[in-house]
Protein backbone atom coordinates (compact mmCIF):
# COMPACT_ATOMS: atom_id res chain seq x y z
CA MET A 1 13.23 -188.21 79.08
CA SER A 2 16.43 -186.26 79.56
CA THR A 3 17.43 -185.12 83.03
CA LEU A 4 15.81 -181.82 84.01
CA SER A 5 17.42 -179.79 86.77
CA TYR A 6 17.30 -176.26 88.14
CA ASP A 7 19.30 -174.24 90.63
CA ALA A 8 19.19 -170.56 91.56
CA THR A 9 20.94 -168.01 93.75
CA GLY A 10 20.35 -164.47 94.93
CA ALA A 11 17.43 -162.57 93.41
CA ALA A 12 16.22 -165.63 91.48
CA GLN A 13 16.02 -167.74 94.62
CA GLN A 14 14.29 -164.90 96.48
CA ALA A 15 11.74 -164.61 93.66
CA LEU A 16 11.04 -168.33 93.94
CA GLU A 17 10.50 -168.09 97.69
CA GLN A 18 8.26 -165.05 97.26
CA HIS A 19 6.01 -166.29 94.45
CA LEU A 20 6.09 -170.09 94.35
CA PRO A 21 3.71 -170.76 97.25
CA ALA A 22 0.97 -168.63 95.68
CA LEU A 23 1.52 -170.15 92.23
CA VAL A 24 1.11 -173.62 93.71
CA LYS A 25 -1.86 -172.61 95.88
CA ASP A 26 -3.63 -170.97 92.92
CA ARG A 27 -3.05 -174.10 90.81
CA ILE A 28 -1.38 -172.09 88.05
CA ALA A 29 0.31 -175.12 86.45
CA THR A 30 -2.79 -177.26 86.05
CA ARG A 31 -4.87 -174.25 85.04
CA ILE A 32 -2.42 -173.42 82.25
CA PHE A 33 -2.66 -176.98 80.97
CA ALA A 34 -6.45 -176.82 81.30
CA LYS A 35 -6.28 -173.74 79.01
CA ASP A 36 -7.70 -171.37 81.59
CA HIS A 37 -7.73 -168.14 79.58
CA THR A 38 -8.54 -166.01 82.65
CA LEU A 39 -5.04 -166.32 84.14
CA TRP A 40 -3.67 -163.13 82.59
CA GLY A 41 -6.49 -160.72 83.39
CA PRO A 42 -9.64 -159.50 81.61
CA ASP A 43 -7.78 -157.56 78.90
CA ALA A 44 -5.96 -160.72 77.81
CA GLU A 45 -8.89 -163.13 77.84
CA SER A 46 -9.93 -162.88 74.19
CA GLU A 47 -6.37 -163.45 72.95
CA SER A 48 -5.36 -166.14 75.43
CA ALA A 49 -8.57 -168.04 74.69
CA VAL A 50 -7.20 -168.81 71.22
CA ARG A 51 -3.48 -169.09 72.05
CA LEU A 52 -3.15 -171.95 74.53
CA GLY A 53 -2.95 -174.85 72.08
CA TRP A 54 0.80 -175.12 72.72
CA VAL A 55 0.19 -176.93 76.02
CA GLU A 56 -0.98 -180.02 74.11
CA ALA A 57 1.03 -179.51 70.91
CA ALA A 58 3.28 -182.52 71.55
CA THR A 59 0.26 -184.82 71.56
CA VAL A 60 -1.80 -183.07 68.89
CA SER A 61 1.16 -183.10 66.49
CA GLN A 62 1.79 -186.85 66.68
CA PRO A 63 -0.26 -187.66 63.52
CA LEU A 64 1.98 -185.32 61.52
CA VAL A 65 5.02 -187.55 61.96
CA LYS A 66 3.98 -190.25 59.50
CA GLU A 67 2.99 -187.71 56.83
CA ILE A 68 6.24 -185.77 57.17
CA LEU A 69 8.45 -188.85 57.05
CA GLU A 70 6.64 -190.24 54.01
CA LEU A 71 7.17 -186.96 52.19
CA ARG A 72 10.83 -186.95 53.20
CA ASP A 73 11.28 -190.44 51.73
CA GLU A 74 9.52 -189.41 48.50
CA LEU A 75 11.74 -186.38 48.09
CA ARG A 76 14.91 -188.35 48.72
CA ALA A 77 13.85 -190.97 46.19
CA GLU A 78 13.63 -188.11 43.69
CA GLY A 79 17.13 -186.91 44.55
CA VAL A 80 15.98 -184.03 46.74
CA SER A 81 18.12 -184.00 49.88
CA ARG A 82 18.53 -180.27 50.67
CA ILE A 83 15.77 -178.44 52.51
CA VAL A 84 15.59 -174.64 52.54
CA LEU A 85 13.28 -173.07 55.09
CA CYS A 86 11.75 -169.71 54.14
CA GLY A 87 10.37 -168.40 57.43
CA MET A 88 10.63 -165.63 59.99
CA GLY A 89 10.55 -165.43 63.80
CA GLY A 90 9.35 -168.55 65.55
CA SER A 91 8.74 -170.22 62.18
CA SER A 92 12.49 -170.23 61.48
CA LEU A 93 14.20 -170.08 64.88
CA ALA A 94 12.68 -173.28 66.28
CA PRO A 95 13.58 -175.50 63.29
CA GLU A 96 17.06 -173.96 63.19
CA VAL A 97 17.65 -175.01 66.82
CA ILE A 98 16.07 -178.45 66.35
CA ALA A 99 18.11 -179.27 63.23
CA GLY A 100 21.32 -177.73 64.57
CA THR A 101 21.13 -179.67 67.82
CA ALA A 102 20.46 -182.90 65.91
CA GLY A 103 23.43 -182.21 63.62
CA VAL A 104 21.19 -182.17 60.55
CA GLU A 105 21.62 -179.77 57.63
CA LEU A 106 18.81 -177.24 57.22
CA THR A 107 19.30 -174.03 55.27
CA VAL A 108 17.35 -171.29 57.03
CA LEU A 109 16.57 -168.30 54.82
CA ASP A 110 15.17 -165.67 57.17
CA SER A 111 16.53 -162.64 55.36
CA THR A 112 15.68 -160.30 52.52
CA ASP A 113 19.33 -159.40 51.92
CA PRO A 114 20.01 -159.86 48.16
CA ASP A 115 23.41 -161.48 48.70
CA GLN A 116 22.07 -163.99 51.25
CA VAL A 117 19.08 -164.86 49.07
CA ARG A 118 21.34 -165.27 46.03
CA ALA A 119 23.65 -167.60 47.97
CA ALA A 120 20.72 -169.80 48.98
CA LEU A 121 19.58 -170.00 45.36
CA ALA A 122 23.05 -170.91 44.10
CA ASP A 123 23.59 -173.93 46.36
CA ARG A 124 22.56 -177.33 44.89
CA LEU A 125 19.27 -176.09 43.44
CA ALA A 126 18.73 -179.43 41.65
CA GLU A 127 18.68 -181.20 45.03
CA THR A 128 16.57 -178.58 46.82
CA ALA A 129 13.00 -178.31 48.06
CA ILE A 130 11.73 -175.32 50.03
CA VAL A 131 9.44 -175.15 53.03
CA VAL A 132 7.56 -171.86 53.11
CA SER A 133 6.31 -171.19 56.65
CA SER A 134 3.92 -168.35 57.45
CA LYS A 135 1.27 -168.47 60.14
CA SER A 136 -0.68 -165.54 58.76
CA GLY A 137 -0.05 -166.55 55.18
CA SER A 138 0.80 -162.97 54.29
CA THR A 139 4.39 -162.57 55.54
CA LEU A 140 6.14 -160.31 53.04
CA GLU A 141 9.59 -161.85 53.46
CA THR A 142 8.48 -165.45 52.92
CA ASP A 143 6.27 -164.53 49.98
CA SER A 144 9.24 -162.84 48.31
CA GLN A 145 11.49 -165.85 48.99
CA ARG A 146 8.89 -168.26 47.58
CA ARG A 147 8.58 -166.19 44.42
CA ILE A 148 12.30 -166.13 43.69
CA PHE A 149 12.71 -169.87 44.33
CA GLU A 150 9.70 -170.74 42.20
CA GLN A 151 11.21 -168.74 39.35
CA ALA A 152 14.62 -170.38 39.86
CA PHE A 153 13.16 -173.91 39.82
CA THR A 154 11.28 -173.17 36.62
CA GLU A 155 14.29 -171.62 34.90
CA ALA A 156 16.37 -174.67 35.86
CA GLY A 157 13.86 -176.98 34.18
CA ALA A 158 12.40 -178.43 37.39
CA GLU A 159 8.70 -178.67 38.12
CA ALA A 160 8.51 -175.86 40.64
CA LYS A 161 5.28 -176.90 42.32
CA SER A 162 6.79 -180.31 43.19
CA ARG A 163 9.57 -178.57 45.16
CA ILE A 164 7.43 -176.26 47.30
CA ILE A 165 5.99 -177.31 50.67
CA ILE A 166 3.78 -174.93 52.65
CA VAL A 167 3.16 -174.62 56.40
CA THR A 168 0.44 -172.17 57.39
CA ASP A 169 -2.73 -171.77 59.41
CA PRO A 170 -5.91 -173.27 57.94
CA GLY A 171 -7.84 -170.80 55.83
CA SER A 172 -4.97 -168.31 55.47
CA PRO A 173 -4.41 -166.61 52.10
CA LEU A 174 -1.34 -168.82 51.61
CA ASP A 175 -3.33 -171.96 52.43
CA LYS A 176 -5.91 -171.27 49.75
CA ALA A 177 -3.48 -170.04 47.09
CA SER A 178 -1.08 -172.95 47.63
CA ARG A 179 -3.75 -175.60 47.23
CA GLU A 180 -4.95 -173.90 44.05
CA ALA A 181 -1.37 -173.74 42.75
CA GLY A 182 -0.92 -177.49 43.34
CA TYR A 183 2.19 -177.26 45.50
CA ARG A 184 3.75 -180.51 46.66
CA ALA A 185 2.21 -180.44 50.14
CA VAL A 186 0.34 -178.05 52.40
CA PHE A 187 0.57 -178.63 56.16
CA ASN A 188 -1.84 -176.79 58.42
CA ALA A 189 -0.70 -175.87 61.91
CA ASP A 190 -2.93 -175.46 64.94
CA PRO A 191 -4.39 -171.93 64.68
CA ASN A 192 -4.62 -171.81 68.48
CA VAL A 193 -0.84 -171.65 68.85
CA GLY A 194 1.05 -168.37 68.41
CA GLY A 195 4.12 -168.32 66.20
CA ARG A 196 6.68 -168.07 68.98
CA TYR A 197 5.08 -171.00 70.85
CA SER A 198 4.93 -173.16 67.70
CA ALA A 199 8.11 -175.27 68.02
CA LEU A 200 6.12 -178.47 68.61
CA THR A 201 3.62 -177.83 65.82
CA ALA A 202 3.95 -178.21 62.06
CA PHE A 203 6.10 -175.06 61.98
CA GLY A 204 8.86 -176.77 63.96
CA LEU A 205 8.31 -180.32 62.76
CA VAL A 206 7.90 -180.11 58.97
CA PRO A 207 11.25 -178.52 58.06
CA SER A 208 13.08 -180.43 60.80
CA GLY A 209 11.59 -183.76 59.84
CA LEU A 210 12.15 -183.28 56.12
CA ALA A 211 15.78 -182.36 56.88
CA GLY A 212 16.28 -185.64 58.75
CA VAL A 213 15.60 -185.01 62.45
CA ASP A 214 14.04 -187.83 64.51
CA ILE A 215 10.86 -185.86 65.18
CA GLN A 216 9.10 -188.82 66.79
CA ALA A 217 11.67 -188.93 69.60
CA PHE A 218 11.48 -185.15 69.85
CA LEU A 219 7.69 -185.21 70.37
CA ASP A 220 7.87 -188.13 72.79
CA GLU A 221 10.31 -186.20 74.97
CA ALA A 222 8.08 -183.12 74.88
CA GLU A 223 5.04 -185.16 75.94
CA GLU A 224 6.91 -186.40 79.00
CA ALA A 225 7.97 -182.86 79.82
CA ALA A 226 4.36 -181.66 79.59
CA GLU A 227 3.29 -184.30 82.10
CA ILE A 228 5.94 -183.10 84.56
CA LEU A 229 4.99 -179.44 84.15
CA ASN A 230 1.30 -180.16 84.64
CA ASP A 231 1.73 -180.40 88.39
CA ASP A 232 0.90 -177.91 91.15
CA ALA A 233 3.94 -178.74 93.22
CA PRO A 234 6.88 -176.76 94.65
CA GLU A 235 9.23 -178.97 92.64
CA ASN A 236 7.80 -177.75 89.31
CA ILE A 237 10.85 -176.36 87.50
CA GLY A 238 8.67 -174.45 85.02
CA LEU A 239 7.13 -172.49 87.88
CA ALA A 240 10.58 -171.86 89.34
CA LEU A 241 11.95 -170.51 86.05
CA GLY A 242 8.84 -168.37 85.62
CA THR A 243 9.50 -166.69 88.97
CA ALA A 244 13.11 -165.99 87.99
CA LEU A 245 12.07 -164.42 84.68
CA GLY A 246 9.18 -162.28 85.87
CA GLY A 247 9.22 -162.18 89.67
CA THR A 248 12.44 -160.56 90.87
CA THR A 249 12.05 -157.47 93.09
CA PRO A 250 12.98 -154.97 91.83
CA LEU A 251 12.59 -156.53 88.39
CA ARG A 252 15.88 -157.60 86.84
CA ASN A 253 14.63 -156.99 83.33
CA LYS A 254 17.78 -158.03 81.43
CA ILE A 255 18.03 -161.82 81.35
CA VAL A 256 21.45 -162.91 80.10
CA ILE A 257 21.03 -166.40 78.59
CA ALA A 258 24.45 -168.03 78.37
CA GLU A 259 25.12 -171.33 76.62
CA ASP A 260 27.40 -173.16 79.05
CA GLY A 261 27.71 -176.76 77.92
CA SER A 262 24.07 -177.76 77.35
CA GLY A 263 24.80 -179.18 73.90
CA ILE A 264 21.76 -177.36 72.48
CA VAL A 265 22.77 -175.33 69.43
CA GLY A 266 21.28 -171.84 69.28
CA PHE A 267 18.74 -172.30 72.06
CA ALA A 268 19.22 -168.77 73.42
CA ASP A 269 18.28 -167.28 70.03
CA TRP A 270 14.98 -169.16 70.15
CA ALA A 271 14.34 -168.23 73.79
CA GLU A 272 15.16 -164.61 72.96
CA GLN A 273 12.22 -164.21 70.60
CA LEU A 274 9.90 -166.19 72.88
CA ILE A 275 10.56 -164.00 75.91
CA ALA A 276 11.03 -160.59 74.28
CA GLU A 277 7.94 -160.76 72.11
CA SER A 278 5.81 -162.29 74.86
CA THR A 279 6.71 -159.84 77.63
CA GLY A 280 7.90 -156.57 76.06
CA LYS A 281 4.78 -154.42 76.13
CA LEU A 282 2.90 -151.79 78.12
CA GLY A 283 6.22 -150.21 79.11
CA THR A 284 7.50 -153.30 80.92
CA GLY A 285 8.95 -156.68 80.03
CA ILE A 286 12.08 -158.80 79.99
CA LEU A 287 14.95 -158.31 77.55
CA PRO A 288 16.85 -161.54 76.80
CA VAL A 289 20.55 -161.06 76.06
CA VAL A 290 22.18 -163.90 74.12
CA ALA A 291 25.74 -164.36 75.39
CA GLY A 292 28.52 -166.80 76.05
CA PRO A 293 29.64 -168.04 79.49
CA GLN A 294 32.53 -165.54 79.56
CA ALA A 295 30.51 -162.54 78.37
CA PRO A 296 30.99 -159.28 80.33
CA GLU A 297 27.35 -159.31 81.49
CA VAL A 298 27.79 -162.68 83.22
CA THR A 299 30.13 -161.20 85.80
CA SER A 300 29.06 -157.54 85.73
CA GLY A 301 27.00 -157.74 88.92
CA ALA A 302 24.61 -155.13 87.49
CA ALA A 303 21.48 -154.62 89.56
CA ASP A 304 19.17 -155.04 86.55
CA VAL A 305 20.75 -158.26 85.22
CA LEU A 306 19.95 -161.90 85.93
CA VAL A 307 22.07 -164.65 84.38
CA VAL A 308 20.55 -167.94 83.20
CA ARG A 309 23.15 -170.58 82.32
CA LEU A 310 22.18 -173.45 80.03
CA VAL A 311 24.21 -176.36 81.37
CA ALA A 312 24.66 -180.07 80.77
CA PRO A 313 22.68 -182.52 82.90
CA ASP A 314 24.59 -183.40 86.08
CA ALA A 315 27.13 -180.65 85.41
CA ASP A 316 29.24 -179.74 88.41
CA ILE A 317 29.09 -175.96 88.36
CA GLU A 318 29.46 -173.16 90.86
CA LEU A 319 26.78 -170.53 90.45
CA GLY A 320 27.61 -166.89 90.86
CA GLU A 321 25.31 -164.44 92.66
CA ASN A 322 21.96 -163.79 90.96
CA GLN A 323 22.28 -166.72 88.60
CA VAL A 324 20.18 -169.64 87.46
CA ALA A 325 21.40 -172.94 86.02
CA ILE A 326 19.00 -175.12 84.06
CA ALA A 327 19.62 -178.42 82.28
CA GLY A 328 17.46 -180.61 80.07
CA GLY A 329 17.06 -181.97 76.55
CA LEU A 330 15.93 -179.69 73.74
CA ALA A 331 12.25 -180.67 73.64
CA THR A 332 12.11 -180.57 77.43
CA GLN A 333 13.68 -177.13 77.55
CA MET A 334 11.32 -175.79 74.91
CA MET A 335 8.30 -176.91 76.90
CA VAL A 336 9.76 -175.54 80.14
CA TRP A 337 10.58 -172.12 78.68
CA GLU A 338 7.19 -171.75 76.96
CA PHE A 339 5.48 -172.60 80.23
CA ALA A 340 7.78 -170.33 82.27
CA THR A 341 7.19 -167.42 79.90
CA ALA A 342 3.44 -167.76 80.39
CA VAL A 343 3.99 -167.79 84.17
CA ALA A 344 6.24 -164.72 83.92
CA GLY A 345 3.52 -162.94 81.97
CA ARG A 346 1.12 -163.47 84.85
CA LEU A 347 3.64 -162.12 87.36
CA LEU A 348 4.31 -159.09 85.16
CA GLY A 349 0.61 -158.40 84.65
CA ILE A 350 0.76 -158.54 80.84
CA ASN A 351 -0.69 -160.67 78.06
CA PRO A 352 2.10 -163.05 76.95
CA PHE A 353 0.32 -164.01 73.73
CA ASP A 354 -0.03 -160.76 71.77
CA GLN A 355 2.54 -158.54 70.03
CA PRO A 356 0.91 -155.11 69.69
CA ASP A 357 4.00 -153.21 68.54
CA VAL A 358 5.37 -155.57 65.90
CA GLU A 359 3.03 -154.27 63.22
CA ALA A 360 4.30 -150.68 63.45
CA ALA A 361 7.62 -151.41 61.72
CA LYS A 362 5.86 -153.48 59.04
CA VAL A 363 3.48 -150.62 58.28
CA ALA A 364 6.35 -148.13 58.11
CA ALA A 365 8.31 -150.40 55.77
CA ARG A 366 5.33 -150.86 53.44
CA GLY A 367 4.78 -147.11 53.41
CA LEU A 368 8.39 -146.52 52.39
CA LEU A 369 8.16 -149.20 49.69
CA ASP A 370 5.04 -147.59 48.26
CA ALA A 371 6.31 -144.02 48.44
CA GLN A 372 9.94 -144.76 47.43
CA PRO A 373 11.26 -141.55 49.04
CA ALA A 374 14.83 -140.41 48.44
CA PRO A 375 17.25 -141.65 51.14
CA THR A 376 17.78 -139.33 54.09
CA PRO A 377 21.04 -137.42 53.43
CA ALA A 378 23.97 -138.62 55.51
CA ALA A 379 25.19 -136.33 58.28
CA PHE A 380 28.68 -137.12 56.98
CA VAL A 381 30.68 -139.88 55.29
CA ASP A 382 33.74 -141.54 56.81
CA GLY A 383 35.42 -143.82 54.26
CA ALA A 384 33.07 -146.72 53.50
CA ILE A 385 30.56 -145.62 56.19
CA GLU A 386 27.70 -143.14 55.76
CA VAL A 387 26.56 -141.78 59.14
CA ARG A 388 23.02 -140.73 60.07
CA GLY A 389 21.76 -139.85 63.54
CA GLY A 390 19.90 -137.38 65.74
CA ASP A 391 20.78 -134.20 67.60
CA TRP A 392 22.77 -136.24 70.11
CA LEU A 393 25.47 -136.64 67.41
CA GLY A 394 26.68 -133.19 68.41
CA ASP A 395 29.85 -132.23 66.57
CA ALA A 396 30.91 -135.81 65.77
CA ALA A 397 32.70 -135.87 62.41
CA THR A 398 33.91 -139.49 62.23
CA ALA A 399 32.19 -142.85 62.47
CA GLU A 400 34.09 -143.54 65.67
CA GLY A 401 32.95 -140.21 67.10
CA ALA A 402 29.37 -141.04 66.16
CA VAL A 403 29.49 -144.43 67.89
CA LYS A 404 30.99 -142.81 70.98
CA ALA A 405 28.25 -140.14 70.95
CA LEU A 406 25.60 -142.87 70.81
CA LEU A 407 27.19 -144.76 73.71
CA ASP A 408 27.24 -141.53 75.72
CA THR A 409 23.41 -141.59 75.67
CA LEU A 410 23.37 -144.83 77.71
CA ALA A 411 21.99 -144.48 81.23
CA SER A 412 22.49 -146.75 84.23
CA ASP A 413 19.43 -148.83 83.31
CA SER A 414 19.89 -148.73 79.50
CA TYR A 415 20.81 -151.44 77.05
CA LEU A 416 22.44 -151.19 73.62
CA SER A 417 20.90 -152.99 70.65
CA VAL A 418 23.05 -153.63 67.57
CA GLN A 419 20.97 -154.37 64.48
CA ALA A 420 22.70 -155.49 61.29
CA TYR A 421 20.61 -155.58 58.11
CA PHE A 422 22.67 -157.72 55.74
CA ASP A 423 24.04 -161.23 55.15
CA ARG A 424 24.25 -162.90 58.56
CA LEU A 425 26.03 -165.98 57.20
CA ALA A 426 28.80 -164.30 55.22
CA PHE A 427 29.47 -161.72 57.95
CA ALA A 428 28.79 -163.76 61.08
CA GLY A 429 32.08 -162.51 62.52
CA LEU A 430 30.54 -159.08 63.06
CA GLU A 431 28.70 -160.53 66.07
CA GLY A 432 32.04 -160.37 67.90
CA ILE A 433 31.51 -156.65 68.50
CA ARG A 434 28.74 -157.53 70.97
CA ASP A 435 31.11 -158.61 73.73
CA GLU A 436 33.46 -155.68 73.03
CA LEU A 437 30.62 -153.17 73.26
CA ALA A 438 29.40 -154.77 76.50
CA ALA A 439 32.90 -154.47 77.91
CA ALA A 440 33.25 -150.88 76.72
CA THR A 441 29.90 -149.69 78.09
CA GLY A 442 29.33 -151.88 81.14
CA ARG A 443 25.74 -152.33 79.93
CA PRO A 444 23.91 -155.31 78.38
CA VAL A 445 24.19 -155.49 74.59
CA THR A 446 21.97 -157.42 72.19
CA PHE A 447 22.91 -158.26 68.61
CA GLY A 448 20.17 -158.90 66.06
CA TRP A 449 20.23 -159.61 62.34
CA GLY A 450 17.60 -157.73 60.39
CA PRO A 451 14.93 -158.28 59.37
CA ARG A 452 14.62 -161.43 61.45
CA PHE A 453 14.87 -159.69 64.84
CA LEU A 454 11.83 -157.56 63.88
CA HIS A 455 9.80 -160.72 64.51
CA SER A 456 11.30 -161.22 67.99
CA THR A 457 13.09 -158.57 70.05
CA GLY A 458 11.53 -155.87 67.87
CA GLN A 459 8.44 -156.03 70.09
CA PHE A 460 10.42 -155.32 73.27
CA HIS A 461 12.37 -152.46 71.67
CA LYS A 462 9.14 -150.62 70.93
CA GLY A 463 6.68 -151.86 73.54
CA GLY A 464 8.98 -152.41 76.53
CA PRO A 465 10.53 -149.77 78.80
CA ALA A 466 12.01 -146.79 76.95
CA ILE A 467 15.61 -147.61 77.83
CA GLY A 468 17.04 -148.87 74.53
CA VAL A 469 19.84 -147.25 72.52
CA PHE A 470 20.20 -148.47 68.95
CA LEU A 471 23.06 -148.98 66.51
CA GLN A 472 21.67 -149.90 63.08
CA VAL A 473 24.10 -151.14 60.43
CA THR A 474 22.99 -151.50 56.80
CA ALA A 475 25.15 -152.41 53.83
CA ALA A 476 25.07 -152.11 50.04
CA PRO A 477 24.78 -155.56 48.39
CA ALA A 478 27.17 -156.78 45.73
CA ALA A 479 24.19 -156.62 43.36
CA ASP A 480 20.47 -156.21 43.82
CA LEU A 481 17.97 -158.99 43.11
CA GLY A 482 14.49 -158.52 41.70
CA ILE A 483 11.40 -160.15 43.19
CA PRO A 484 9.18 -161.76 40.53
CA ASP A 485 5.91 -159.90 39.93
CA ARG A 486 6.67 -157.30 42.58
CA PRO A 487 7.42 -153.60 41.97
CA PHE A 488 10.34 -153.65 44.41
CA SER A 489 13.57 -155.64 44.73
CA PHE A 490 15.11 -157.47 47.67
CA GLY A 491 17.54 -154.59 48.08
CA GLU A 492 14.70 -152.07 48.21
CA LEU A 493 12.75 -154.28 50.61
CA ILE A 494 15.52 -154.69 53.20
CA ALA A 495 16.37 -150.98 52.95
CA ALA A 496 12.71 -150.10 53.62
CA GLN A 497 12.58 -152.52 56.55
CA ALA A 498 15.65 -150.94 58.14
CA ALA A 499 14.48 -147.38 57.50
CA GLY A 500 10.96 -148.18 58.71
CA ASP A 501 12.22 -149.67 61.96
CA ALA A 502 14.54 -146.71 62.58
CA GLN A 503 11.62 -144.38 61.91
CA VAL A 504 9.39 -146.11 64.46
CA LEU A 505 12.15 -146.24 67.08
CA GLY A 506 12.76 -142.53 66.52
CA GLU A 507 9.06 -141.82 66.96
CA HIS A 508 9.31 -143.62 70.31
CA GLY A 509 12.10 -141.25 71.32
CA ARG A 510 14.88 -143.84 71.12
CA PRO A 511 18.38 -142.74 69.98
CA VAL A 512 19.23 -144.49 66.68
CA LEU A 513 22.64 -144.28 65.00
CA ARG A 514 22.45 -145.49 61.39
CA LEU A 515 25.68 -146.61 59.73
CA HIS A 516 25.41 -147.55 56.06
CA LEU A 517 28.35 -149.49 54.65
CA THR A 518 28.90 -148.60 51.00
CA ASP A 519 31.45 -151.43 50.79
CA ARG A 520 30.58 -154.43 52.96
CA ALA A 521 34.01 -155.89 53.62
CA ALA A 522 35.72 -152.53 54.11
CA GLY A 523 32.86 -151.13 56.20
CA VAL A 524 32.67 -154.17 58.47
CA ALA A 525 36.45 -154.11 59.02
CA LYS A 526 36.32 -150.39 59.86
CA LEU A 527 33.43 -150.87 62.30
CA GLN A 528 35.23 -153.75 63.99
CA ASP A 529 38.32 -151.57 64.38
CA ILE A 530 36.23 -148.74 65.85
CA VAL A 531 34.62 -150.99 68.44
CA ALA A 532 37.93 -152.67 69.30
CA ALA A 533 39.49 -149.26 69.93
CA LEU A 534 36.61 -148.19 72.17
CA SER A 535 36.86 -151.44 74.13
CA THR A 536 40.63 -151.11 74.52
CA ARG A 537 40.35 -147.54 75.77
CA ALA A 538 37.64 -148.52 78.25
CA SER A 539 39.83 -151.33 79.61
CA ALA A 540 42.80 -148.98 79.94
CA THR A 541 40.67 -146.45 81.82
CA GLU A 542 39.45 -149.10 84.26
CA SER A 543 42.97 -150.36 84.97
């Protein structure tokens, strides 16, 4: 097993000293691994009773390895070497981290953007098989992606059903339909594991293993980590991290997760959905902020921020005030963070296994798809950017003025959430505005690509404390793309998802600035210039 280490300063160390003795005395670690569903209170018992399978996932999943590797060898013998994962939330984020850290190619399609879908279809289709992952078996995004790939395989002269692999819960609509359709393989995951805790189940293992990851070594490491965590001892690093996440007083509810030499690719993105969706409810929770080691939030000293640095084993680092450093291999870290999130849920007094506010945006999106209303008129147009917002826009007449008006709504405990609903691969550079906005505002800033963030931080934005301020960026595609046997297109779907989410946020009283880019390249460049100017002016004011 890889080296696991933990260090903490300031509020995180104080939280450990305050809560660890009781956690050890109450045998929280061994009770979690014994699947004690009473740990999170009476209101959570029915849900937690069917959501604790993750504690033994590393062992339960061992029989899957042989089946996955045999299928991988069969596919490669047929000339199929490219795996595309159609999945959302935990179903896509875990395999993306596992494959990325192993240096293995896995195409993750977790978008409904027409341009991104079209790009996935255009790349080596003759060598491609898809893994369609949906716990419920009714995820709209993955169903749409499956339909378009099935059509593309058929039109290319391939036997479509031989290129489609399904991962879903037993008895789901997708499970039944896929077996009837005769798809290449159907893998059932443990129904007693929630999606965001599913990294060590079929959802994490099937796409990763088919792509070429050594999933046997991955599971073996996780089993060792589980043995270490299943211990009511002060040295239990999972308990320590749980106190840092959920036990600071007053609660530091923005957790800045900074990759700082761990060698794990994209881990913070996976931890983001685990923590935000597990804790952001009942008006409380923890907002993860994915950042780099030099991000403004790391050194801000803000009273509501705690920094967790993901470091290399045996790294010689100097921790700043109110910081945590944690090191360990990927499988080890995944087990530790799942365990710590469950512990944090107990300290926060919430159920870490439900997601009561995620459905609201889905319902709003479906309503907009069914009704097909005319778009809300723009407040004004500035070049390639259409601007829509609330009364707080005031007399703003430019896109820059609108962004500034939104930032003026930030309070001392607020955070800014940037949500971009278009091709996250072609326009990955847009994420650079996150650091600039954090520098310009002095507040934590999250950056999420839609619609994938709806399955992660979307829960916190709606169910957590009402302190979010939202910048939504949508963009016209180069061309729309129809969805086979559906009355709406990918372009209409992603537009409805963005509009539905903005609608729900507005109903929760959150300020939402909507910028629609009528030309992607020109609009992105203009937005980057706007943010750079705001950041420069803020720096000049400070100096």
